[in-house]
N, C-alpha and C. Protein backbone atom coordinates (compact mmCIF):
# COMPACT_ATOMS: atom_id res chain seq x y z
N UNK A 1 39.60 198.74 166.77
CA UNK A 1 38.27 198.52 166.29
C UNK A 1 37.75 199.73 165.52
N UNK A 2 38.00 200.94 166.03
CA UNK A 2 37.52 202.13 165.33
C UNK A 2 38.28 202.33 164.02
N UNK A 3 39.53 201.90 163.94
CA UNK A 3 40.29 201.99 162.70
C UNK A 3 39.68 201.06 161.65
N UNK A 4 39.24 199.89 162.11
CA UNK A 4 38.60 198.95 161.21
C UNK A 4 37.27 199.50 160.69
N UNK A 5 36.52 200.15 161.59
CA UNK A 5 35.25 200.78 161.20
C UNK A 5 35.50 201.93 160.22
N UNK A 6 36.52 202.69 160.43
CA UNK A 6 36.85 203.81 159.54
C UNK A 6 37.26 203.28 158.16
N UNK A 7 38.03 202.19 158.15
CA UNK A 7 38.43 201.59 156.88
C UNK A 7 37.22 201.04 156.14
N UNK A 8 36.33 200.38 156.86
CA UNK A 8 35.12 199.84 156.25
C UNK A 8 34.25 200.98 155.71
N UNK A 9 34.16 202.08 156.44
CA UNK A 9 33.38 203.24 155.99
C UNK A 9 33.98 203.85 154.75
N UNK A 10 35.30 203.95 154.71
CA UNK A 10 35.97 204.52 153.54
C UNK A 10 35.77 203.61 152.33
N UNK A 11 35.86 202.30 152.56
CA UNK A 11 35.65 201.36 151.47
C UNK A 11 34.22 201.44 150.95
N UNK A 12 33.25 201.55 151.84
CA UNK A 12 31.85 201.68 151.43
C UNK A 12 31.63 202.97 150.65
N UNK A 13 32.28 204.04 151.07
CA UNK A 13 32.15 205.32 150.36
C UNK A 13 32.74 205.23 148.96
N UNK A 14 33.90 204.56 148.85
CA UNK A 14 34.52 204.39 147.54
C UNK A 14 33.65 203.55 146.61
N UNK A 15 33.08 202.48 147.14
CA UNK A 15 32.20 201.64 146.33
C UNK A 15 30.96 202.41 145.90
N UNK A 16 30.38 203.19 146.79
CA UNK A 16 29.20 203.97 146.44
C UNK A 16 29.55 204.99 145.37
N UNK A 17 30.71 205.62 145.48
CA UNK A 17 31.14 206.59 144.48
C UNK A 17 31.36 205.92 143.13
N UNK A 18 31.94 204.75 143.13
CA UNK A 18 32.19 204.03 141.88
C UNK A 18 30.87 203.65 141.20
N UNK A 19 29.88 203.24 141.96
CA UNK A 19 28.60 202.88 141.38
C UNK A 19 27.80 204.11 140.96
N UNK A 20 27.95 205.20 141.68
CA UNK A 20 27.18 206.40 141.38
C UNK A 20 27.66 207.07 140.09
N UNK A 21 28.96 206.99 139.79
CA UNK A 21 29.51 207.68 138.62
C UNK A 21 30.35 206.72 137.80
N UNK A 22 29.70 205.83 137.06
CA UNK A 22 30.48 204.89 136.26
C UNK A 22 31.24 205.63 135.15
N UNK A 23 32.39 205.12 134.84
CA UNK A 23 33.19 205.73 133.78
C UNK A 23 32.48 205.52 132.44
N UNK A 24 32.56 206.53 131.59
CA UNK A 24 31.94 206.42 130.27
C UNK A 24 32.72 205.39 129.46
N UNK A 25 31.98 204.48 128.86
CA UNK A 25 32.62 203.44 128.06
C UNK A 25 33.10 204.04 126.74
N UNK A 26 34.19 203.54 126.27
CA UNK A 26 34.69 203.96 124.96
C UNK A 26 33.75 203.42 123.89
N UNK A 27 33.57 204.16 122.81
CA UNK A 27 32.69 203.66 121.74
C UNK A 27 33.25 202.38 121.13
N UNK A 28 32.36 201.54 120.64
CA UNK A 28 32.77 200.28 120.04
C UNK A 28 33.46 200.56 118.70
N UNK A 29 34.27 199.61 118.23
CA UNK A 29 34.88 199.77 116.90
C UNK A 29 33.83 199.96 115.80
N UNK A 30 32.69 199.29 115.90
CA UNK A 30 31.61 199.44 114.91
C UNK A 30 31.10 200.88 114.90
N UNK A 31 30.88 201.46 116.10
CA UNK A 31 30.39 202.84 116.19
C UNK A 31 31.42 203.84 115.67
N UNK A 32 32.69 203.61 116.01
CA UNK A 32 33.76 204.49 115.54
C UNK A 32 33.86 204.42 114.02
N UNK A 33 33.81 203.21 113.48
CA UNK A 33 33.88 203.02 112.04
C UNK A 33 32.73 203.75 111.33
N UNK A 34 31.53 203.65 111.88
CA UNK A 34 30.38 204.33 111.29
C UNK A 34 30.59 205.84 111.29
N UNK A 35 31.03 206.39 112.41
CA UNK A 35 31.22 207.84 112.50
C UNK A 35 32.26 208.34 111.50
N UNK A 36 33.37 207.64 111.40
CA UNK A 36 34.44 208.06 110.49
C UNK A 36 34.02 207.92 109.04
N UNK A 37 33.45 206.77 108.68
CA UNK A 37 33.04 206.55 107.29
C UNK A 37 31.92 207.49 106.87
N UNK A 38 30.97 207.73 107.75
CA UNK A 38 29.87 208.62 107.42
C UNK A 38 30.33 210.06 107.32
N UNK A 39 31.27 210.44 108.16
CA UNK A 39 31.85 211.79 108.06
C UNK A 39 32.52 211.97 106.70
N UNK A 40 33.29 210.97 106.27
CA UNK A 40 33.93 211.04 104.96
C UNK A 40 32.88 211.12 103.85
N UNK A 41 31.82 210.32 103.98
CA UNK A 41 30.74 210.37 103.00
C UNK A 41 30.05 211.72 102.96
N UNK A 42 29.87 212.33 104.13
CA UNK A 42 29.27 213.66 104.18
C UNK A 42 30.17 214.70 103.51
N UNK A 43 31.47 214.64 103.81
CA UNK A 43 32.40 215.59 103.19
C UNK A 43 32.36 215.47 101.67
N UNK A 44 32.33 214.24 101.19
CA UNK A 44 32.26 214.00 99.75
C UNK A 44 30.95 214.54 99.18
N UNK A 45 29.82 214.24 99.82
CA UNK A 45 28.52 214.67 99.31
C UNK A 45 28.42 216.19 99.28
N UNK A 46 29.01 216.85 100.26
CA UNK A 46 28.99 218.32 100.29
C UNK A 46 29.81 218.87 99.12
N UNK A 47 31.02 218.35 98.94
CA UNK A 47 31.88 218.83 97.85
C UNK A 47 31.28 218.51 96.48
N UNK A 48 30.76 217.30 96.32
CA UNK A 48 30.16 216.90 95.04
C UNK A 48 28.88 217.70 94.79
N UNK A 49 28.13 217.97 95.85
CA UNK A 49 26.92 218.78 95.71
C UNK A 49 27.23 220.19 95.24
N UNK A 50 28.32 220.76 95.77
CA UNK A 50 28.74 222.09 95.33
C UNK A 50 29.11 222.08 93.84
N UNK A 51 29.80 221.03 93.42
CA UNK A 51 30.13 220.91 92.00
C UNK A 51 28.87 220.87 91.14
N UNK A 52 27.89 220.07 91.56
CA UNK A 52 26.64 219.95 90.79
C UNK A 52 25.88 221.27 90.78
N UNK A 53 25.84 221.95 91.91
CA UNK A 53 25.13 223.23 91.97
C UNK A 53 25.78 224.27 91.05
N UNK A 54 27.09 224.18 90.88
CA UNK A 54 27.81 225.16 90.05
C UNK A 54 27.89 224.73 88.59
N UNK A 55 28.12 223.43 88.34
CA UNK A 55 28.44 222.97 86.97
C UNK A 55 27.33 222.19 86.29
N UNK A 56 26.31 221.82 87.03
CA UNK A 56 25.23 221.05 86.42
C UNK A 56 24.51 221.86 85.36
N UNK A 57 24.12 221.22 84.29
CA UNK A 57 23.36 221.91 83.24
C UNK A 57 21.87 221.65 83.38
N UNK A 58 21.52 220.55 84.00
CA UNK A 58 20.12 220.23 84.24
C UNK A 58 19.70 220.93 85.54
N UNK A 59 18.57 221.61 85.50
CA UNK A 59 18.09 222.35 86.68
C UNK A 59 17.90 221.43 87.89
N UNK A 60 17.39 220.21 87.67
CA UNK A 60 17.18 219.28 88.78
C UNK A 60 18.52 218.82 89.37
N UNK A 61 19.53 218.67 88.55
CA UNK A 61 20.86 218.30 89.06
C UNK A 61 21.40 219.42 89.93
N UNK A 62 21.27 220.66 89.47
CA UNK A 62 21.75 221.81 90.27
C UNK A 62 20.98 221.90 91.59
N UNK A 63 19.66 221.75 91.53
CA UNK A 63 18.83 221.81 92.75
C UNK A 63 19.20 220.69 93.71
N UNK A 64 19.34 219.48 93.19
CA UNK A 64 19.68 218.34 94.03
C UNK A 64 21.08 218.48 94.62
N UNK A 65 22.00 219.03 93.84
CA UNK A 65 23.34 219.30 94.37
C UNK A 65 23.28 220.21 95.58
N UNK A 66 22.49 221.29 95.49
CA UNK A 66 22.36 222.20 96.63
C UNK A 66 21.67 221.53 97.81
N UNK A 67 20.70 220.67 97.52
CA UNK A 67 20.03 219.91 98.59
C UNK A 67 21.04 219.03 99.32
N UNK A 68 21.92 218.39 98.56
CA UNK A 68 22.96 217.55 99.18
C UNK A 68 23.87 218.40 100.07
N UNK A 69 24.26 219.55 99.60
CA UNK A 69 25.11 220.45 100.41
C UNK A 69 24.40 220.76 101.72
N UNK A 70 23.15 221.19 101.63
CA UNK A 70 22.40 221.57 102.84
C UNK A 70 22.19 220.40 103.78
N UNK A 71 21.71 219.27 103.24
CA UNK A 71 21.39 218.11 104.09
C UNK A 71 22.64 217.51 104.72
N UNK A 72 23.69 217.32 103.92
CA UNK A 72 24.88 216.68 104.47
C UNK A 72 25.67 217.61 105.40
N UNK A 73 25.54 218.91 105.20
CA UNK A 73 26.16 219.86 106.14
C UNK A 73 25.48 219.72 107.50
N UNK A 74 24.15 219.65 107.50
CA UNK A 74 23.41 219.49 108.76
C UNK A 74 23.72 218.14 109.41
N UNK A 75 23.68 217.06 108.61
CA UNK A 75 23.97 215.73 109.17
C UNK A 75 25.38 215.67 109.73
N UNK A 76 26.33 216.28 109.04
CA UNK A 76 27.72 216.23 109.49
C UNK A 76 27.93 217.06 110.76
N UNK A 77 27.21 218.16 110.89
CA UNK A 77 27.33 218.96 112.12
C UNK A 77 26.87 218.14 113.33
N UNK A 78 25.78 217.41 113.17
CA UNK A 78 25.29 216.55 114.25
C UNK A 78 26.30 215.43 114.54
N UNK A 79 26.85 214.85 113.49
CA UNK A 79 27.82 213.77 113.64
C UNK A 79 29.08 214.28 114.35
N UNK A 80 29.56 215.45 113.96
CA UNK A 80 30.77 216.02 114.58
C UNK A 80 30.57 216.26 116.08
N UNK A 81 29.38 216.75 116.43
CA UNK A 81 29.10 217.01 117.84
C UNK A 81 29.18 215.71 118.64
N UNK A 82 28.56 214.66 118.14
CA UNK A 82 28.60 213.38 118.84
C UNK A 82 30.00 212.79 118.85
N UNK A 83 30.71 212.87 117.74
CA UNK A 83 32.08 212.33 117.68
C UNK A 83 32.97 213.04 118.71
N UNK A 84 32.77 214.33 118.85
CA UNK A 84 33.56 215.08 119.85
C UNK A 84 33.23 214.60 121.26
N UNK A 85 31.95 214.38 121.55
CA UNK A 85 31.54 213.87 122.86
C UNK A 85 32.15 212.51 123.14
N UNK A 86 32.23 211.67 122.09
CA UNK A 86 32.77 210.32 122.24
C UNK A 86 34.29 210.26 122.08
N UNK A 87 34.88 211.43 121.81
CA UNK A 87 36.33 211.53 121.61
C UNK A 87 36.82 210.70 120.41
N UNK A 88 36.03 210.73 119.34
CA UNK A 88 36.40 210.07 118.09
C UNK A 88 36.99 211.15 117.18
N UNK A 89 38.27 211.04 116.85
CA UNK A 89 38.88 212.07 116.02
C UNK A 89 38.42 211.98 114.57
N UNK A 90 38.09 213.14 114.00
CA UNK A 90 37.68 213.22 112.61
C UNK A 90 38.60 214.19 111.88
N UNK A 91 38.81 213.95 110.62
CA UNK A 91 39.64 214.84 109.81
C UNK A 91 38.75 215.68 108.91
N UNK A 92 39.25 216.82 108.50
CA UNK A 92 38.51 217.67 107.57
C UNK A 92 38.91 217.39 106.13
N UNK A 93 39.78 216.42 105.94
CA UNK A 93 40.28 216.08 104.60
C UNK A 93 39.60 214.80 104.12
N UNK A 94 39.23 214.81 102.83
CA UNK A 94 38.72 213.58 102.23
C UNK A 94 39.85 212.57 102.13
N UNK A 95 39.53 211.30 102.36
CA UNK A 95 40.56 210.27 102.21
C UNK A 95 40.60 209.81 100.75
N UNK A 96 41.40 208.83 100.46
CA UNK A 96 41.69 208.39 99.11
C UNK A 96 40.52 208.17 98.18
N UNK A 97 39.62 207.21 98.46
CA UNK A 97 38.56 206.90 97.49
C UNK A 97 37.63 208.09 97.20
N UNK A 98 37.19 208.79 98.24
CA UNK A 98 36.30 209.93 98.04
C UNK A 98 37.01 211.05 97.31
N UNK A 99 38.28 211.26 97.64
CA UNK A 99 39.06 212.31 96.98
C UNK A 99 39.24 211.99 95.49
N UNK A 100 39.49 210.71 95.19
CA UNK A 100 39.64 210.30 93.80
C UNK A 100 38.34 210.48 93.02
N UNK A 101 37.21 210.13 93.63
CA UNK A 101 35.92 210.30 92.96
C UNK A 101 35.62 211.77 92.69
N UNK A 102 35.99 212.63 93.63
CA UNK A 102 35.76 214.05 93.46
C UNK A 102 36.61 214.61 92.32
N UNK A 103 37.84 214.11 92.20
CA UNK A 103 38.71 214.55 91.09
C UNK A 103 38.12 214.14 89.74
N UNK A 104 37.54 212.96 89.67
CA UNK A 104 36.91 212.50 88.43
C UNK A 104 35.75 213.43 88.08
N UNK A 105 34.94 213.77 89.06
CA UNK A 105 33.81 214.67 88.82
C UNK A 105 34.29 216.05 88.37
N UNK A 106 35.29 216.57 89.05
CA UNK A 106 35.79 217.91 88.74
C UNK A 106 36.38 217.96 87.33
N UNK A 107 36.94 216.85 86.86
CA UNK A 107 37.57 216.81 85.54
C UNK A 107 36.57 216.51 84.42
N UNK A 108 35.35 216.14 84.78
CA UNK A 108 34.36 215.78 83.76
C UNK A 108 33.96 217.02 82.96
N UNK A 109 33.75 216.83 81.66
CA UNK A 109 33.33 217.98 80.85
C UNK A 109 31.93 218.44 81.25
N UNK A 110 31.72 219.73 81.15
CA UNK A 110 30.40 220.28 81.49
C UNK A 110 29.37 219.77 80.50
N UNK A 111 28.12 219.82 80.92
CA UNK A 111 27.04 219.40 80.03
C UNK A 111 26.38 218.13 80.53
N UNK A 112 25.70 217.48 79.61
CA UNK A 112 24.96 216.27 79.95
C UNK A 112 25.86 215.18 80.52
N UNK A 113 27.11 215.11 80.02
CA UNK A 113 28.04 214.09 80.51
C UNK A 113 28.33 214.29 81.99
N UNK A 114 28.52 215.54 82.39
CA UNK A 114 28.76 215.82 83.82
C UNK A 114 27.53 215.44 84.63
N UNK A 115 26.35 215.87 84.18
CA UNK A 115 25.12 215.57 84.91
C UNK A 115 24.95 214.07 85.13
N UNK A 116 25.15 213.29 84.08
CA UNK A 116 24.96 211.84 84.18
C UNK A 116 26.01 211.21 85.09
N UNK A 117 27.26 211.66 84.97
CA UNK A 117 28.32 211.14 85.84
C UNK A 117 28.03 211.49 87.29
N UNK A 118 27.61 212.71 87.53
CA UNK A 118 27.31 213.13 88.91
C UNK A 118 26.20 212.26 89.50
N UNK A 119 25.14 212.06 88.74
CA UNK A 119 24.03 211.23 89.23
C UNK A 119 24.51 209.82 89.53
N UNK A 120 25.26 209.24 88.62
CA UNK A 120 25.76 207.87 88.80
C UNK A 120 26.62 207.76 90.05
N UNK A 121 27.54 208.70 90.22
CA UNK A 121 28.43 208.67 91.39
C UNK A 121 27.65 208.88 92.69
N UNK A 122 26.64 209.73 92.64
CA UNK A 122 25.87 209.98 93.87
C UNK A 122 24.99 208.81 94.24
N UNK A 123 24.44 208.11 93.25
CA UNK A 123 23.66 206.90 93.55
C UNK A 123 24.56 205.89 94.25
N UNK A 124 25.78 205.72 93.76
CA UNK A 124 26.73 204.80 94.40
C UNK A 124 27.06 205.26 95.81
N UNK A 125 27.37 206.53 95.96
CA UNK A 125 27.82 207.04 97.26
C UNK A 125 26.68 207.04 98.28
N UNK A 126 25.49 207.46 97.88
CA UNK A 126 24.37 207.44 98.81
C UNK A 126 24.02 206.00 99.20
N UNK A 127 24.19 205.08 98.25
CA UNK A 127 23.99 203.66 98.56
C UNK A 127 24.99 203.16 99.60
N UNK A 128 26.23 203.61 99.48
CA UNK A 128 27.24 203.24 100.47
C UNK A 128 26.89 203.80 101.85
N UNK A 129 26.43 205.06 101.88
CA UNK A 129 26.01 205.64 103.15
C UNK A 129 24.84 204.86 103.74
N UNK A 130 23.90 204.48 102.88
CA UNK A 130 22.74 203.71 103.36
C UNK A 130 23.18 202.35 103.92
N UNK A 131 24.11 201.69 103.25
CA UNK A 131 24.63 200.41 103.76
C UNK A 131 25.30 200.59 105.11
N UNK A 132 26.03 201.69 105.28
CA UNK A 132 26.65 201.97 106.58
C UNK A 132 25.62 202.20 107.67
N UNK A 133 24.54 202.89 107.32
CA UNK A 133 23.45 203.10 108.27
C UNK A 133 22.86 201.77 108.69
N UNK A 134 22.62 200.90 107.72
CA UNK A 134 22.05 199.58 108.00
C UNK A 134 22.96 198.78 108.94
N UNK A 135 24.25 198.80 108.67
CA UNK A 135 25.20 198.10 109.56
C UNK A 135 25.16 198.66 110.98
N UNK A 136 25.14 199.98 111.06
CA UNK A 136 25.13 200.61 112.39
C UNK A 136 23.85 200.26 113.14
N UNK A 137 22.72 200.35 112.47
CA UNK A 137 21.46 200.06 113.14
C UNK A 137 21.38 198.61 113.60
N UNK A 138 21.98 197.70 112.83
CA UNK A 138 21.91 196.28 113.19
C UNK A 138 23.01 195.82 114.13
N UNK A 139 24.19 196.45 114.07
CA UNK A 139 25.33 195.94 114.84
C UNK A 139 26.01 196.98 115.72
N UNK A 140 25.54 198.23 115.69
CA UNK A 140 26.13 199.25 116.55
C UNK A 140 25.76 199.04 118.01
N UNK A 141 26.49 199.69 118.90
CA UNK A 141 26.26 199.52 120.33
C UNK A 141 25.72 200.78 120.99
N UNK A 142 26.30 201.90 120.68
CA UNK A 142 25.94 203.15 121.36
C UNK A 142 24.62 203.68 120.79
N UNK A 143 23.64 203.86 121.65
CA UNK A 143 22.32 204.32 121.21
C UNK A 143 22.38 205.71 120.59
N UNK A 144 23.31 206.54 121.04
CA UNK A 144 23.43 207.88 120.46
C UNK A 144 23.88 207.80 119.01
N UNK A 145 24.79 206.88 118.72
CA UNK A 145 25.26 206.71 117.34
C UNK A 145 24.14 206.09 116.49
N UNK A 146 23.43 205.14 117.07
CA UNK A 146 22.32 204.52 116.34
C UNK A 146 21.21 205.55 116.06
N UNK A 147 20.97 206.45 117.00
CA UNK A 147 19.97 207.50 116.77
C UNK A 147 20.42 208.43 115.64
N UNK A 148 21.69 208.72 115.60
CA UNK A 148 22.25 209.53 114.51
C UNK A 148 22.01 208.83 113.17
N UNK A 149 22.24 207.52 113.14
CA UNK A 149 22.01 206.74 111.93
C UNK A 149 20.53 206.75 111.55
N UNK A 150 19.64 206.63 112.54
CA UNK A 150 18.20 206.67 112.26
C UNK A 150 17.80 208.01 111.64
N UNK A 151 18.38 209.09 112.17
CA UNK A 151 18.07 210.42 111.64
C UNK A 151 18.53 210.55 110.18
N UNK A 152 19.68 209.97 109.88
CA UNK A 152 20.23 210.06 108.52
C UNK A 152 19.48 209.14 107.55
N UNK A 153 18.88 208.08 108.06
CA UNK A 153 18.23 207.08 107.22
C UNK A 153 17.20 207.69 106.27
N UNK A 154 16.29 208.49 106.79
CA UNK A 154 15.25 209.08 105.95
C UNK A 154 15.83 210.04 104.92
N UNK A 155 16.84 210.79 105.31
CA UNK A 155 17.47 211.75 104.40
C UNK A 155 18.12 211.01 103.23
N UNK A 156 18.86 209.96 103.54
CA UNK A 156 19.57 209.22 102.49
C UNK A 156 18.57 208.51 101.57
N UNK A 157 17.53 207.93 102.13
CA UNK A 157 16.50 207.30 101.29
C UNK A 157 15.83 208.32 100.37
N UNK A 158 15.56 209.50 100.87
CA UNK A 158 14.98 210.55 100.03
C UNK A 158 15.96 210.94 98.92
N UNK A 159 17.24 211.04 99.25
CA UNK A 159 18.24 211.37 98.23
C UNK A 159 18.27 210.31 97.13
N UNK A 160 18.26 209.06 97.53
CA UNK A 160 18.30 207.96 96.55
C UNK A 160 17.06 208.03 95.64
N UNK A 161 15.91 208.26 96.23
CA UNK A 161 14.69 208.38 95.43
C UNK A 161 14.76 209.54 94.45
N UNK A 162 15.22 210.69 94.92
CA UNK A 162 15.34 211.86 94.04
C UNK A 162 16.38 211.62 92.94
N UNK A 163 17.48 210.98 93.29
CA UNK A 163 18.50 210.67 92.28
C UNK A 163 17.94 209.76 91.19
N UNK A 164 17.19 208.76 91.58
CA UNK A 164 16.61 207.86 90.60
C UNK A 164 15.62 208.58 89.69
N UNK A 165 14.84 209.50 90.25
CA UNK A 165 13.90 210.28 89.45
C UNK A 165 14.65 211.17 88.44
N UNK A 166 15.65 211.88 88.93
CA UNK A 166 16.43 212.77 88.05
C UNK A 166 17.19 211.95 87.03
N UNK A 167 17.67 210.78 87.42
CA UNK A 167 18.39 209.91 86.48
C UNK A 167 17.50 209.54 85.29
N UNK A 168 16.25 209.20 85.56
CA UNK A 168 15.32 208.86 84.47
C UNK A 168 15.11 210.06 83.54
N UNK A 169 15.02 211.26 84.12
CA UNK A 169 14.81 212.46 83.32
C UNK A 169 16.03 212.80 82.46
N UNK A 170 17.20 212.71 83.07
CA UNK A 170 18.43 213.07 82.36
C UNK A 170 18.78 212.01 81.32
N UNK A 171 18.47 210.75 81.60
CA UNK A 171 18.80 209.66 80.68
C UNK A 171 17.80 209.52 79.55
N UNK A 172 16.61 210.10 79.72
CA UNK A 172 15.56 209.95 78.70
C UNK A 172 16.00 210.66 77.41
N UNK A 173 15.76 210.02 76.28
CA UNK A 173 16.11 210.67 75.01
C UNK A 173 15.26 211.92 74.80
N UNK A 174 15.89 212.94 74.26
CA UNK A 174 15.18 214.19 74.00
C UNK A 174 14.19 213.99 72.86
N UNK A 175 13.07 214.72 72.97
CA UNK A 175 12.19 214.71 71.82
C UNK A 175 10.89 214.14 72.07
């Protein structure tokens, strides 16, 4: 009888321990996809921003390039911290599409052509980041990842607005 009581006590202790410390759930495929794609987008925005800050001829393009470097460096640092907590592996290398876009920018001739190409590519890329944020906010599971997306939302919307403003200035005929 005492052996049965001891077994029941051990079983109760194990059940209490299991309920007290649930195992951390693995992130959903949607959350993992958002973290990886956004990290790649951040790496691209940082590299492209550096190009604009160095090679842009329009003062607003150079300023906006540096803003992208600063903002996406901060966003990516936050993303990396969360990805590490969730055990989502990230690479420091740009993958194919972003790497190809960066090569096109780097090969563009300096001057107005570079400025216009940079603005066009950034409007596309920031739009892609915004679409990823929207998907995460609507279909993501982990609240920490969704909070990261919420934090990035305002930054990306501000970038898109600034890009559109600079685009009008750079595209306007001189005179």
